[in-house]
PDB file of N, CA and C in Angstrom:
ATOM      1  N   MET A   1       0.816  -1.264  -0.317  1.00  0.00           N
ATOM      2  CA  MET A   1       0.072   0.109  -0.258  1.00  0.00           C
ATOM      3  C   MET A   1       1.370   1.059  -0.046  1.00  0.00           C
ATOM      4  N   ASP A   2       0.649   2.523  -1.491  1.00  0.00           N
ATOM      5  CA  ASP A   2       1.271   3.557  -1.105  1.00  0.00           C
ATOM      6  C   ASP A   2       1.017   3.811   0.476  1.00  0.00           C
ATOM      7  N   LEU A   3       2.480   4.470   1.323  1.00  0.00           N
ATOM      8  CA  LEU A   3       2.170   5.114   2.275  1.00  0.00           C
ATOM      9  C   LEU A   3       1.256   6.201   2.469  1.00  0.00           C
ATOM     10  N   ALA A   4       1.820   7.365   1.524  1.00  0.00           N
ATOM     11  CA  ALA A   4       0.527   8.737   1.505  1.00  0.00           C
ATOM     12  C   ALA A   4      -0.700   8.406   1.448  1.00  0.00           C
ATOM     13  N   LEU A   5      -0.893   6.936   0.736  1.00  0.00           N
ATOM     14  CA  LEU A   5      -2.680   6.856   1.174  1.00  0.00           C
ATOM     15  C   LEU A   5      -2.648   6.556   2.274  1.00  0.00           C
ATOM     16  N   PHE A   6      -2.359   5.914   2.860  1.00  0.00           N
ATOM     17  CA  PHE A   6      -2.344   4.772   3.681  1.00  0.00           C
ATOM     18  C   PHE A   6      -2.643   6.256   5.365  1.00  0.00           C
ATOM     19  N   ILE A   7      -1.275   7.432   5.100  1.00  0.00           N
ATOM     20  CA  ILE A   7      -1.729   8.220   6.004  1.00  0.00           C
ATOM     21  C   ILE A   7      -2.635   9.033   6.245  1.00  0.00           C
ATOM     22  N   CYS A   8      -2.903   9.577   4.810  1.00  0.00           N
ATOM     23  CA  CYS A   8      -4.240  10.475   4.496  1.00  0.00           C
ATOM     24  C   CYS A   8      -5.640   9.589   5.215  1.00  0.00           C
ATOM     25  N   LEU A   9      -5.450   7.911   4.821  1.00  0.00           N
ATOM     26  CA  LEU A   9      -7.122   7.435   5.206  1.00  0.00           C
ATOM     27  C   LEU A   9      -6.715   7.384   7.350  1.00  0.00           C
ATOM     28  N   TYR A  10      -5.670   7.088   7.119  1.00  0.00           N
ATOM     29  CA  TYR A  10      -5.795   7.037   8.485  1.00  0.00           C
ATOM     30  C   TYR A  10      -6.084   8.334   9.515  1.00  0.00           C
ATOM     31  N   SER A  11      -5.542   9.153   8.677  1.00  0.00           N
ATOM     32  CA  SER A  11      -6.011  10.855   9.070  1.00  0.00           C
ATOM     33  C   SER A  11      -7.521  10.847   9.330  1.00  0.00           C
ATOM     34  N   PHE A  12      -7.988  10.746   8.378  1.00  0.00           N
ATOM     35  CA  PHE A  12      -9.145  10.579   8.104  1.00  0.00           C
ATOM     36  C   PHE A  12     -10.227   9.830   8.966  1.00  0.00           C
ATOM     37  N   PHE A  13     -10.154   8.811   9.579  1.00  0.00           N
ATOM     38  CA  PHE A  13     -10.617   8.167  10.245  1.00  0.00           C
ATOM     39  C   PHE A  13     -10.131   8.647  11.537  1.00  0.00           C
ATOM     40  N   LEU A  14      -9.117   9.131  12.117  1.00  0.00           N
ATOM     41  CA  LEU A  14      -8.721   9.374  13.006  1.00  0.00           C
ATOM     42  C   LEU A  14      -9.818  10.684  13.503  1.00  0.00           C
ATOM     43  N   ILE A  15      -9.905  11.583  12.505  1.00  0.00           N
ATOM     44  CA  ILE A  15     -10.416  12.600  12.665  1.00  0.00           C
ATOM     45  C   ILE A  15     -12.259  12.556  13.017  1.00  0.00           C
ATOM     46  N   VAL A  16     -12.650  11.214  12.062  1.00  0.00           N
ATOM     47  CA  VAL A  16     -13.896  10.913  12.290  1.00  0.00           C
ATOM     48  C   VAL A  16     -14.506  10.261  13.443  1.00  0.00           C
ATOM     49  N   PHE A  17     -13.412   9.659  14.165  1.00  0.00           N
ATOM     50  CA  PHE A  17     -13.381   9.453  15.435  1.00  0.00           C
ATOM     51  C   PHE A  17     -13.039  10.022  16.444  1.00  0.00           C
ATOM     52  N   CYS A  18     -12.800  11.052  16.464  1.00  0.00           N
ATOM     53  CA  CYS A  18     -12.848  12.296  17.681  1.00  0.00           C
ATOM     54  C   CYS A  18     -14.159  13.277  17.278  1.00  0.00           C
ATOM     55  N   LEU A  19     -13.942  13.156  16.403  1.00  0.00           N
ATOM     56  CA  LEU A  19     -15.722  13.858  15.748  1.00  0.00           C
ATOM     57  C   LEU A  19     -16.755  13.345  16.732  1.00  0.00           C
ATOM     58  N   ASN A  20     -16.660  12.155  16.030  1.00  0.00           N
ATOM     59  CA  ASN A  20     -17.626  11.027  17.141  1.00  0.00           C
ATOM     60  C   ASN A  20     -17.860  11.383  18.294  1.00  0.00           C
ATOM     61  N   ILE A  21     -16.625  11.492  19.031  1.00  0.00           N
ATOM     62  CA  ILE A  21     -16.213  11.612  20.563  1.00  0.00           C
ATOM     63  C   ILE A  21     -16.758  12.871  20.944  1.00  0.00           C
ATOM     64  N   PHE A  22     -16.257  13.853  20.035  1.00  0.00           N
ATOM     65  CA  PHE A  22     -16.783  14.949  20.657  1.00  0.00           C
ATOM     66  C   PHE A  22     -18.744  15.542  20.805  1.00  0.00           C
ATOM     67  N   GLU A  23     -18.822  14.674  19.748  1.00  0.00           N
ATOM     68  CA  GLU A  23     -20.552  14.712  19.770  1.00  0.00           C
ATOM     69  C   GLU A  23     -20.996  13.631  20.764  1.00  0.00           C
ATOM     70  N   ASP A  24     -20.598  12.514  21.357  1.00  0.00           N
ATOM     71  CA  ASP A  24     -20.979  12.102  22.048  1.00  0.00           C
ATOM     72  C   ASP A  24     -21.338  12.715  23.021  1.00  0.00           C
ATOM     73  N   THR A  25     -20.167  13.083  23.691  1.00  0.00           N
ATOM     74  CA  THR A  25     -19.828  13.896  24.964  1.00  0.00           C
ATOM     75  C   THR A  25     -20.430  15.532  24.725  1.00  0.00           C
ATOM     76  N   LYS A  26     -20.846  15.820  23.655  1.00  0.00           N
ATOM     77  CA  LYS A  26     -21.438  17.168  23.656  1.00  0.00           C
ATOM     78  C   LYS A  26     -23.042  16.756  24.045  1.00  0.00           C
ATOM     79  N   PHE A  27     -24.064  16.087  23.626  1.00  0.00           N
ATOM     80  CA  PHE A  27     -24.940  15.452  23.649  1.00  0.00           C
ATOM     81  C   PHE A  27     -25.334  14.680  25.054  1.00  0.00           C
ATOM     82  N   SER A  28     -24.270  14.326  25.803  1.00  0.00           N
ATOM     83  CA  SER A  28     -24.371  13.521  27.312  1.00  0.00           C
ATOM     84  C   SER A  28     -24.455  15.053  27.714  1.00  0.00           C
ATOM     85  N   GLY A  29     -24.023  16.045  27.694  1.00  0.00           N
ATOM     86  CA  GLY A  29     -23.811  16.864  28.283  1.00  0.00           C
ATOM     87  C   GLY A  29     -22.191  16.986  29.336  1.00  0.00           C
ATOM     88  N   VAL A  30     -21.307  16.111  28.924  1.00  0.00           N
ATOM     89  CA  VAL A  30     -20.491  16.408  29.821  1.00  0.00           C
ATOM     90  C   VAL A  30     -19.114  16.859  28.962  1.00  0.00           C
ATOM     91  N   GLU A  31     -19.116  18.692  29.980  1.00  0.00           N
ATOM     92  CA  GLU A  31     -17.773  19.387  29.171  1.00  0.00           C
ATOM     93  C   GLU A  31     -16.365  19.043  28.869  1.00  0.00           C
ATOM     94  N   THR A  32     -16.049  17.512  28.399  1.00  0.00           N
ATOM     95  CA  THR A  32     -14.696  16.832  28.569  1.00  0.00           C
ATOM     96  C   THR A  32     -14.447  17.238  26.996  1.00  0.00           C
ATOM     97  N   SER A  33     -12.645  17.599  26.687  1.00  0.00           N
ATOM     98  CA  SER A  33     -11.908  17.398  25.430  1.00  0.00           C
ATOM     99  C   SER A  33     -11.995  15.901  24.918  1.00  0.00           C
ATOM    100  N   PRO A  34     -12.169  16.061  23.887  1.00  0.00           N
ATOM    101  CA  PRO A  34     -11.731  14.041  22.931  1.00  0.00           C
ATOM    102  C   PRO A  34     -10.878  13.932  23.197  1.00  0.00           C
ATOM    103  N   ILE A  35      -9.880  13.971  23.428  1.00  0.00           N
ATOM    104  CA  ILE A  35      -8.545  13.671  24.334  1.00  0.00           C
ATOM    105  C   ILE A  35      -8.637  13.182  25.568  1.00  0.00           C
ATOM    106  N   GLN A  36      -9.318  13.513  26.780  1.00  0.00           N
ATOM    107  CA  GLN A  36      -9.338  13.213  28.094  1.00  0.00           C
ATOM    108  C   GLN A  36     -10.396  11.963  27.783  1.00  0.00           C
ATOM    109  N   VAL A  37     -11.668  12.267  26.855  1.00  0.00           N
ATOM    110  CA  VAL A  37     -12.363  11.294  26.738  1.00  0.00           C
ATOM    111  C   VAL A  37     -11.332   9.569  26.345  1.00  0.00           C
ATOM    112  N   ILE A  38     -11.211  10.276  25.312  1.00  0.00           N
ATOM    113  CA  ILE A  38     -10.350   8.475  24.450  1.00  0.00           C
ATOM    114  C   ILE A  38      -9.037   8.349  26.066  1.00  0.00           C
ATOM    115  N   PHE A  39      -8.831   9.122  26.706  1.00  0.00           N
ATOM    116  CA  PHE A  39      -7.924   8.135  27.439  1.00  0.00           C
ATOM    117  C   PHE A  39      -8.742   7.851  29.065  1.00  0.00           C
ATOM    118  N   SER A  40      -9.455   8.189  29.134  1.00  0.00           N
ATOM    119  CA  SER A  40     -10.944   7.854  29.945  1.00  0.00           C
ATOM    120  C   SER A  40     -11.512   6.170  29.311  1.00  0.00           C
ATOM    121  N   GLU A  41     -11.315   6.139  28.292  1.00  0.00           N
ATOM    122  CA  GLU A  41     -11.743   4.790  27.902  1.00  0.00           C
ATOM    123  C   GLU A  41     -10.825   3.940  28.155  1.00  0.00           C
ATOM    124  N   TYR A  42      -9.098   3.689  27.911  1.00  0.00           N
ATOM    125  CA  TYR A  42      -8.513   2.967  27.774  1.00  0.00           C
ATOM    126  C   TYR A  42      -7.898   3.097  29.372  1.00  0.00           C
TER     127      TYR A  42
END
């Protein structure tokens, strides 16, 4: 696989993943950043 293509796809899914977490925390009323949510999950 082309490295540039892999990086683009990885970045795209990472952004979508973070946006989904941000939407979940926003609608649940929790004022936390996506990074804090990611670390709290693991």
